[in-house]
Amino acid sequence: MSRRPDDVSGFVTALLPSLSRSLAEQFNVFRVMHHGTHEKRLSNVFAWLFTIDATHELGDAAQRIFLDLVNDSLPPGDQSPVTGYRVT
């Protein structure tokens, strides 16, 4: 069965409306990875997110957000610094 060029353009045309909707709330990387079934894989993702010079180019944002969440549940005297960590 040979493909015609308009088959591909028809596919793209049909797909475009769904691509215009935001996937941010629908997409969950941990669901894609079947979180909970492969601890090493999940740990590697967290290590990647918490490494400030990783390919995600988020800098220390993931570390700061995580530590802000942790610190919100702690009394002021017990809170951890939100920067200065390194993943090894």
PDB file of N, CA and C in Angstrom:
ATOM      1  N   MET A   1       0.839  -1.170   0.000  1.00  0.00           N
ATOM      2  CA  MET A   1       0.000   0.000   0.000  1.00  0.00           C
ATOM      3  C   MET A   1       0.886   1.236   0.000  1.00  0.00           C
ATOM      4  N   SER A   2       0.773   2.051  -0.994  1.00  0.00           N
ATOM      5  CA  SER A   2       1.616   3.239  -1.074  1.00  0.00           C
ATOM      6  C   SER A   2       0.898   4.433  -0.456  1.00  0.00           C
ATOM      7  N   ARG A   3       1.683   5.306   0.142  1.00  0.00           N
ATOM      8  CA  ARG A   3       1.133   6.510   0.741  1.00  0.00           C
ATOM      9  C   ARG A   3       1.206   7.658  -0.247  1.00  0.00           C
ATOM     10  N   ARG A   4       0.178   8.440  -0.262  1.00  0.00           N
ATOM     11  CA  ARG A   4       0.194   9.652  -1.069  1.00  0.00           C
ATOM     12  C   ARG A   4       0.518  10.813  -0.151  1.00  0.00           C
ATOM     13  N   PRO A   5       1.160  11.850  -0.661  1.00  0.00           N
ATOM     14  CA  PRO A   5       1.495  13.001   0.183  1.00  0.00           C
ATOM     15  C   PRO A   5       0.283  13.607   0.879  1.00  0.00           C
ATOM     16  N   ASP A   6      -0.894  13.600   0.225  1.00  0.00           N
ATOM     17  CA  ASP A   6      -2.060  14.206   0.860  1.00  0.00           C
ATOM     18  C   ASP A   6      -2.564  13.365   2.039  1.00  0.00           C
ATOM     19  N   ASP A   7      -2.186  12.065   2.111  1.00  0.00           N
ATOM     20  CA  ASP A   7      -2.533  11.255   3.275  1.00  0.00           C
ATOM     21  C   ASP A   7      -1.886  11.835   4.526  1.00  0.00           C
ATOM     22  N   VAL A   8      -0.629  12.219   4.408  1.00  0.00           N
ATOM     23  CA  VAL A   8       0.103  12.787   5.545  1.00  0.00           C
ATOM     24  C   VAL A   8      -0.459  14.151   5.895  1.00  0.00           C
ATOM     25  N   SER A   9      -0.719  14.991   4.901  1.00  0.00           N
ATOM     26  CA  SER A   9      -1.248  16.317   5.202  1.00  0.00           C
ATOM     27  C   SER A   9      -2.647  16.218   5.799  1.00  0.00           C
ATOM     28  N   GLY A  10      -3.430  15.244   5.377  1.00  0.00           N
ATOM     29  CA  GLY A  10      -4.744  15.031   5.981  1.00  0.00           C
ATOM     30  C   GLY A  10      -4.621  14.631   7.438  1.00  0.00           C
ATOM     31  N   PHE A  11      -3.651  13.803   7.734  1.00  0.00           N
ATOM     32  CA  PHE A  11      -3.398  13.396   9.123  1.00  0.00           C
ATOM     33  C   PHE A  11      -3.023  14.605   9.965  1.00  0.00           C
ATOM     34  N   VAL A  12      -2.093  15.413   9.456  1.00  0.00           N
ATOM     35  CA  VAL A  12      -1.641  16.600  10.189  1.00  0.00           C
ATOM     36  C   VAL A  12      -2.800  17.569  10.380  1.00  0.00           C
ATOM     37  N   THR A  13      -3.602  17.772   9.343  1.00  0.00           N
ATOM     38  CA  THR A  13      -4.748  18.670   9.433  1.00  0.00           C
ATOM     39  C   THR A  13      -5.739  18.188  10.493  1.00  0.00           C
ATOM     40  N   ALA A  14      -5.969  16.895  10.546  1.00  0.00           N
ATOM     41  CA  ALA A  14      -6.876  16.341  11.549  1.00  0.00           C
ATOM     42  C   ALA A  14      -6.297  16.427  12.952  1.00  0.00           C
ATOM     43  N   LEU A  15      -4.990  16.375  13.059  1.00  0.00           N
ATOM     44  CA  LEU A  15      -4.318  16.396  14.357  1.00  0.00           C
ATOM     45  C   LEU A  15      -4.179  17.805  14.927  1.00  0.00           C
ATOM     46  N   LEU A  16      -4.105  18.815  14.084  1.00  0.00           N
ATOM     47  CA  LEU A  16      -3.853  20.183  14.530  1.00  0.00           C
ATOM     48  C   LEU A  16      -4.802  20.688  15.614  1.00  0.00           C
ATOM     49  N   PRO A  17      -6.104  20.492  15.518  1.00  0.00           N
ATOM     50  CA  PRO A  17      -6.968  21.007  16.591  1.00  0.00           C
ATOM     51  C   PRO A  17      -6.605  20.466  17.975  1.00  0.00           C
ATOM     52  N   SER A  18      -6.222  19.196  18.042  1.00  0.00           N
ATOM     53  CA  SER A  18      -5.863  18.656  19.355  1.00  0.00           C
ATOM     54  C   SER A  18      -4.518  19.191  19.824  1.00  0.00           C
ATOM     55  N   LEU A  19      -3.631  19.522  18.901  1.00  0.00           N
ATOM     56  CA  LEU A  19      -2.341  20.079  19.299  1.00  0.00           C
ATOM     57  C   LEU A  19      -2.469  21.500  19.812  1.00  0.00           C
ATOM     58  N   SER A  20      -3.530  22.190  19.427  1.00  0.00           N
ATOM     59  CA  SER A  20      -3.699  23.573  19.868  1.00  0.00           C
ATOM     60  C   SER A  20      -4.163  23.658  21.312  1.00  0.00           C
ATOM     61  N   ARG A  21      -4.718  22.567  21.839  1.00  0.00           N
ATOM     62  CA  ARG A  21      -5.139  22.546  23.241  1.00  0.00           C
ATOM     63  C   ARG A  21      -3.933  22.315  24.128  1.00  0.00           C
ATOM     64  N   SER A  22      -3.953  22.921  25.301  1.00  0.00           N
ATOM     65  CA  SER A  22      -2.844  22.751  26.240  1.00  0.00           C
ATOM     66  C   SER A  22      -2.829  21.329  26.784  1.00  0.00           C
ATOM     67  N   LEU A  23      -1.665  20.719  26.733  1.00  0.00           N
ATOM     68  CA  LEU A  23      -1.503  19.382  27.297  1.00  0.00           C
ATOM     69  C   LEU A  23      -0.915  19.433  28.702  1.00  0.00           C
ATOM     70  N   ALA A  24      -0.614  20.637  29.182  1.00  0.00           N
ATOM     71  CA  ALA A  24       0.089  20.782  30.455  1.00  0.00           C
ATOM     72  C   ALA A  24      -0.630  20.069  31.599  1.00  0.00           C
ATOM     73  N   GLU A  25      -1.939  20.231  31.700  1.00  0.00           N
ATOM     74  CA  GLU A  25      -2.651  19.605  32.814  1.00  0.00           C
ATOM     75  C   GLU A  25      -2.919  18.131  32.568  1.00  0.00           C
ATOM     76  N   GLN A  26      -2.958  17.717  31.302  1.00  0.00           N
ATOM     77  CA  GLN A  26      -3.237  16.327  30.983  1.00  0.00           C
ATOM     78  C   GLN A  26      -1.994  15.460  31.078  1.00  0.00           C
ATOM     79  N   PHE A  27      -0.843  16.021  30.737  1.00  0.00           N
ATOM     80  CA  PHE A  27       0.379  15.234  30.682  1.00  0.00           C
ATOM     81  C   PHE A  27       0.979  15.069  32.069  1.00  0.00           C
ATOM     82  N   ASN A  28       1.340  13.853  32.409  1.00  0.00           N
ATOM     83  CA  ASN A  28       1.984  13.566  33.676  1.00  0.00           C
ATOM     84  C   ASN A  28       3.116  12.578  33.391  1.00  0.00           C
ATOM     85  N   VAL A  29       4.355  13.054  33.495  1.00  0.00           N
ATOM     86  CA  VAL A  29       5.506  12.221  33.156  1.00  0.00           C
ATOM     87  C   VAL A  29       5.559  10.964  34.015  1.00  0.00           C
ATOM     88  N   PHE A  30       5.095  11.040  35.254  1.00  0.00           N
ATOM     89  CA  PHE A  30       5.150   9.880  36.128  1.00  0.00           C
ATOM     90  C   PHE A  30       4.122   8.828  35.723  1.00  0.00           C
ATOM     91  N   ARG A  31       2.996   9.265  35.184  1.00  0.00           N
ATOM     92  CA  ARG A  31       2.012   8.302  34.670  1.00  0.00           C
ATOM     93  C   ARG A  31       2.574   7.602  33.439  1.00  0.00           C
ATOM     94  N   VAL A  32       3.252   8.349  32.587  1.00  0.00           N
ATOM     95  CA  VAL A  32       3.856   7.758  31.391  1.00  0.00           C
ATOM     96  C   VAL A  32       4.897   6.717  31.789  1.00  0.00           C
ATOM     97  N   MET A  33       5.656   6.996  32.835  1.00  0.00           N
ATOM     98  CA  MET A  33       6.713   6.081  33.278  1.00  0.00           C
ATOM     99  C   MET A  33       6.165   4.938  34.125  1.00  0.00           C
ATOM    100  N   HIS A  34       4.857   4.875  34.330  1.00  0.00           N
ATOM    101  CA  HIS A  34       4.237   3.871  35.202  1.00  0.00           C
ATOM    102  C   HIS A  34       4.824   3.981  36.604  1.00  0.00           C
ATOM    103  N   HIS A  35       4.795   5.200  37.120  1.00  0.00           N
ATOM    104  CA  HIS A  35       5.387   5.517  38.427  1.00  0.00           C
ATOM    105  C   HIS A  35       4.971   4.481  39.465  1.00  0.00           C
ATOM    106  N   GLY A  36       5.919   4.104  40.247  1.00  0.00           N
ATOM    107  CA  GLY A  36       5.681   3.121  41.287  1.00  0.00           C
ATOM    108  C   GLY A  36       6.087   1.717  40.895  1.00  0.00           C
ATOM    109  N   THR A  37       6.245   1.478  39.594  1.00  0.00           N
ATOM    110  CA  THR A  37       6.593   0.119  39.180  1.00  0.00           C
ATOM    111  C   THR A  37       8.093  -0.050  38.951  1.00  0.00           C
ATOM    112  N   HIS A  38       8.790   1.048  38.745  1.00  0.00           N
ATOM    113  CA  HIS A  38      10.224   0.972  38.483  1.00  0.00           C
ATOM    114  C   HIS A  38      10.928   2.075  39.277  1.00  0.00           C
ATOM    115  N   GLU A  39      11.314   1.757  40.498  1.00  0.00           N
ATOM    116  CA  GLU A  39      11.878   2.758  41.398  1.00  0.00           C
ATOM    117  C   GLU A  39      13.131   3.416  40.828  1.00  0.00           C
ATOM    118  N   LYS A  40      14.001   2.650  40.198  1.00  0.00           N
ATOM    119  CA  LYS A  40      15.226   3.214  39.659  1.00  0.00           C
ATOM    120  C   LYS A  40      14.922   4.258  38.578  1.00  0.00           C
ATOM    121  N   ARG A  41      13.968   3.964  37.712  1.00  0.00           N
ATOM    122  CA  ARG A  41      13.601   4.905  36.659  1.00  0.00           C
ATOM    123  C   ARG A  41      13.066   6.200  37.275  1.00  0.00           C
ATOM    124  N   LEU A  42      12.207   6.070  38.268  1.00  0.00           N
ATOM    125  CA  LEU A  42      11.647   7.244  38.932  1.00  0.00           C
ATOM    126  C   LEU A  42      12.745   8.039  39.637  1.00  0.00           C
ATOM    127  N   SER A  43      13.662   7.342  40.288  1.00  0.00           N
ATOM    128  CA  SER A  43      14.786   8.012  40.952  1.00  0.00           C
ATOM    129  C   SER A  43      15.655   8.756  39.951  1.00  0.00           C
ATOM    130  N   ASN A  44      15.854   8.165  38.781  1.00  0.00           N
ATOM    131  CA  ASN A  44      16.658   8.831  37.748  1.00  0.00           C
ATOM    132  C   ASN A  44      15.989  10.106  37.252  1.00  0.00           C
ATOM    133  N   VAL A  45      14.673  10.102  37.151  1.00  0.00           N
ATOM    134  CA  VAL A  45      13.965  11.308  36.722  1.00  0.00           C
ATOM    135  C   VAL A  45      14.116  12.402  37.770  1.00  0.00           C
ATOM    136  N   PHE A  46      13.951  12.047  39.038  1.00  0.00           N
ATOM    137  CA  PHE A  46      14.129  13.049  40.092  1.00  0.00           C
ATOM    138  C   PHE A  46      15.571  13.560  40.120  1.00  0.00           C
ATOM    139  N   ALA A  47      16.528  12.677  39.954  1.00  0.00           N
ATOM    140  CA  ALA A  47      17.931  13.114  39.918  1.00  0.00           C
ATOM    141  C   ALA A  47      18.149  14.090  38.771  1.00  0.00           C
ATOM    142  N   TRP A  48      17.566  13.805  37.614  1.00  0.00           N
ATOM    143  CA  TRP A  48      17.685  14.690  36.455  1.00  0.00           C
ATOM    144  C   TRP A  48      17.035  16.043  36.750  1.00  0.00           C
ATOM    145  N   LEU A  49      15.829  16.025  37.332  1.00  0.00           N
ATOM    146  CA  LEU A  49      15.142  17.279  37.641  1.00  0.00           C
ATOM    147  C   LEU A  49      15.886  18.116  38.669  1.00  0.00           C
ATOM    148  N   PHE A  50      16.511  17.458  39.653  1.00  0.00           N
ATOM    149  CA  PHE A  50      17.184  18.181  40.721  1.00  0.00           C
ATOM    150  C   PHE A  50      18.630  18.553  40.393  1.00  0.00           C
ATOM    151  N   THR A  51      19.150  18.111  39.262  1.00  0.00           N
ATOM    152  CA  THR A  51      20.497  18.487  38.827  1.00  0.00           C
ATOM    153  C   THR A  51      20.399  19.831  38.113  1.00  0.00           C
ATOM    154  N   ILE A  52      21.039  20.857  38.673  1.00  0.00           N
ATOM    155  CA  ILE A  52      20.799  22.219  38.181  1.00  0.00           C
ATOM    156  C   ILE A  52      21.357  22.489  36.789  1.00  0.00           C
ATOM    157  N   ASP A  53      22.361  21.732  36.352  1.00  0.00           N
ATOM    158  CA  ASP A  53      22.919  21.980  35.018  1.00  0.00           C
ATOM    159  C   ASP A  53      22.544  20.876  34.030  1.00  0.00           C
ATOM    160  N   ALA A  54      21.392  20.209  34.279  1.00  0.00           N
ATOM    161  CA  ALA A  54      20.940  19.126  33.400  1.00  0.00           C
ATOM    162  C   ALA A  54      20.331  19.686  32.116  1.00  0.00           C
ATOM    163  N   THR A  55      20.014  18.790  31.200  1.00  0.00           N
ATOM    164  CA  THR A  55      19.509  19.182  29.891  1.00  0.00           C
ATOM    165  C   THR A  55      18.122  19.814  29.920  1.00  0.00           C
ATOM    166  N   HIS A  56      17.415  19.753  31.043  1.00  0.00           N
ATOM    167  CA  HIS A  56      16.084  20.366  31.112  1.00  0.00           C
ATOM    168  C   HIS A  56      16.157  21.886  31.096  1.00  0.00           C
ATOM    169  N   GLU A  57      17.298  22.447  31.381  1.00  0.00           N
ATOM    170  CA  GLU A  57      17.543  23.895  31.383  1.00  0.00           C
ATOM    171  C   GLU A  57      16.617  24.652  32.335  1.00  0.00           C
ATOM    172  N   LEU A  58      16.233  24.015  33.429  1.00  0.00           N
ATOM    173  CA  LEU A  58      15.413  24.668  34.448  1.00  0.00           C
ATOM    174  C   LEU A  58      16.243  25.259  35.570  1.00  0.00           C
ATOM    175  N   GLY A  59      17.549  25.011  35.529  1.00  0.00           N
ATOM    176  CA  GLY A  59      18.393  25.489  36.619  1.00  0.00           C
ATOM    177  C   GLY A  59      17.993  24.810  37.912  1.00  0.00           C
ATOM    178  N   ASP A  60      17.912  25.600  38.995  1.00  0.00           N
ATOM    179  CA  ASP A  60      17.565  25.021  40.292  1.00  0.00           C
ATOM    180  C   ASP A  60      16.072  25.138  40.614  1.00  0.00           C
ATOM    181  N   ALA A  61      15.237  25.405  39.608  1.00  0.00           N
ATOM    182  CA  ALA A  61      13.800  25.597  39.840  1.00  0.00           C
ATOM    183  C   ALA A  61      13.159  24.386  40.512  1.00  0.00           C
ATOM    184  N   ALA A  62      13.459  23.176  40.042  1.00  0.00           N
ATOM    185  CA  ALA A  62      12.851  21.970  40.630  1.00  0.00           C
ATOM    186  C   ALA A  62      13.266  21.823  42.095  1.00  0.00           C
ATOM    187  N   GLN A  63      14.545  22.083  42.389  1.00  0.00           N
ATOM    188  CA  GLN A  63      15.010  22.011  43.784  1.00  0.00           C
ATOM    189  C   GLN A  63      14.273  23.021  44.654  1.00  0.00           C
ATOM    190  N   ARG A  64      14.168  24.254  44.167  1.00  0.00           N
ATOM    191  CA  ARG A  64      13.532  25.313  44.956  1.00  0.00           C
ATOM    192  C   ARG A  64      12.051  25.004  45.191  1.00  0.00           C
ATOM    193  N   ILE A  65      11.359  24.553  44.160  1.00  0.00           N
ATOM    194  CA  ILE A  65       9.935  24.236  44.302  1.00  0.00           C
ATOM    195  C   ILE A  65       9.744  23.100  45.298  1.00  0.00           C
ATOM    196  N   PHE A  66      10.562  22.054  45.159  1.00  0.00           N
ATOM    197  CA  PHE A  66      10.467  20.919  46.077  1.00  0.00           C
ATOM    198  C   PHE A  66      10.735  21.354  47.517  1.00  0.00           C
ATOM    199  N   LEU A  67      11.794  22.118  47.720  1.00  0.00           N
ATOM    200  CA  LEU A  67      12.131  22.535  49.082  1.00  0.00           C
ATOM    201  C   LEU A  67      11.130  23.538  49.637  1.00  0.00           C
ATOM    202  N   ASP A  68      10.545  24.354  48.790  1.00  0.00           N
ATOM    203  CA  ASP A  68       9.474  25.233  49.260  1.00  0.00           C
ATOM    204  C   ASP A  68       8.301  24.406  49.786  1.00  0.00           C
ATOM    205  N   LEU A  69       7.958  23.336  49.068  1.00  0.00           N
ATOM    206  CA  LEU A  69       6.869  22.465  49.513  1.00  0.00           C
ATOM    207  C   LEU A  69       7.204  21.781  50.837  1.00  0.00           C
ATOM    208  N   VAL A  70       8.437  21.305  50.956  1.00  0.00           N
ATOM    209  CA  VAL A  70       8.867  20.666  52.209  1.00  0.00           C
ATOM    210  C   VAL A  70       8.846  21.689  53.338  1.00  0.00           C
ATOM    211  N   ASN A  71       9.423  22.861  53.083  1.00  0.00           N
ATOM    212  CA  ASN A  71       9.509  23.888  54.130  1.00  0.00           C
ATOM    213  C   ASN A  71       8.147  24.406  54.571  1.00  0.00           C
ATOM    214  N   ASP A  72       7.165  24.385  53.672  1.00  0.00           N
ATOM    215  CA  ASP A  72       5.815  24.830  54.039  1.00  0.00           C
ATOM    216  C   ASP A  72       5.218  23.979  55.152  1.00  0.00           C
ATOM    217  N   SER A  73       5.679  22.734  55.268  1.00  0.00           N
ATOM    218  CA  SER A  73       5.130  21.839  56.290  1.00  0.00           C
ATOM    219  C   SER A  73       5.970  21.833  57.568  1.00  0.00           C
ATOM    220  N   LEU A  74       7.027  22.644  57.616  1.00  0.00           N
ATOM    221  CA  LEU A  74       7.921  22.674  58.777  1.00  0.00           C
ATOM    222  C   LEU A  74       7.829  24.009  59.497  1.00  0.00           C
ATOM    223  N   PRO A  75       8.078  23.997  60.817  1.00  0.00           N
ATOM    224  CA  PRO A  75       8.136  25.271  61.537  1.00  0.00           C
ATOM    225  C   PRO A  75       9.341  26.086  61.064  1.00  0.00           C
ATOM    226  N   PRO A  76       9.269  27.416  61.151  1.00  0.00           N
ATOM    227  CA  PRO A  76      10.357  28.271  60.630  1.00  0.00           C
ATOM    228  C   PRO A  76      11.763  27.886  61.084  1.00  0.00           C
ATOM    229  N   GLY A  77      11.947  27.452  62.297  1.00  0.00           N
ATOM    230  CA  GLY A  77      13.276  27.100  62.790  1.00  0.00           C
ATOM    231  C   GLY A  77      13.835  25.803  62.223  1.00  0.00           C
ATOM    232  N   ASP A  78      12.974  24.980  61.649  1.00  0.00           N
ATOM    233  CA  ASP A  78      13.394  23.670  61.130  1.00  0.00           C
ATOM    234  C   ASP A  78      13.500  23.619  59.608  1.00  0.00           C
ATOM    235  N   GLN A  79      13.266  24.726  58.929  1.00  0.00           N
ATOM    236  CA  GLN A  79      13.266  24.731  57.467  1.00  0.00           C
ATOM    237  C   GLN A  79      14.680  24.616  56.907  1.00  0.00           C
ATOM    238  N   SER A  80      14.769  24.011  55.734  1.00  0.00           N
ATOM    239  CA  SER A  80      16.046  23.814  55.042  1.00  0.00           C
ATOM    240  C   SER A  80      16.289  24.956  54.065  1.00  0.00           C
ATOM    241  N   PRO A  81      17.566  25.252  53.771  1.00  0.00           N
ATOM    242  CA  PRO A  81      17.861  26.239  52.729  1.00  0.00           C
ATOM    243  C   PRO A  81      17.299  25.750  51.392  1.00  0.00           C
ATOM    244  N   VAL A  82      16.872  26.663  50.522  1.00  0.00           N
ATOM    245  CA  VAL A  82      16.263  26.249  49.252  1.00  0.00           C
ATOM    246  C   VAL A  82      17.273  26.179  48.114  1.00  0.00           C
ATOM    247  N   THR A  83      18.500  26.510  48.355  1.00  0.00           N
ATOM    248  CA  THR A  83      19.538  26.439  47.314  1.00  0.00           C
ATOM    249  C   THR A  83      20.803  25.827  47.885  1.00  0.00           C
ATOM    250  N   GLY A  84      21.731  25.511  46.985  1.00  0.00           N
ATOM    251  CA  GLY A  84      23.032  25.031  47.418  1.00  0.00           C
ATOM    252  C   GLY A  84      23.180  23.516  47.429  1.00  0.00           C
ATOM    253  N   TYR A  85      22.293  22.801  46.788  1.00  0.00           N
ATOM    254  CA  TYR A  85      22.355  21.337  46.779  1.00  0.00           C
ATOM    255  C   TYR A  85      22.925  20.833  45.452  1.00  0.00           C
ATOM    256  N   ARG A  86      23.534  19.650  45.525  1.00  0.00           N
ATOM    257  CA  ARG A  86      24.081  19.027  44.321  1.00  0.00           C
ATOM    258  C   ARG A  86      23.682  17.557  44.315  1.00  0.00           C
ATOM    259  N   VAL A  87      23.291  17.064  43.158  1.00  0.00           N
ATOM    260  CA  VAL A  87      22.901  15.656  43.020  1.00  0.00           C
ATOM    261  C   VAL A  87      24.137  14.868  42.614  1.00  0.00           C
ATOM    262  N   THR A  88      24.409  13.773  43.323  1.00  0.00           N
ATOM    263  CA  THR A  88      25.537  12.915  42.969  1.00  0.00           C
ATOM    264  C   THR A  88      25.056  11.503  42.701  1.00  0.00           C
TER     265      THR A  88
END
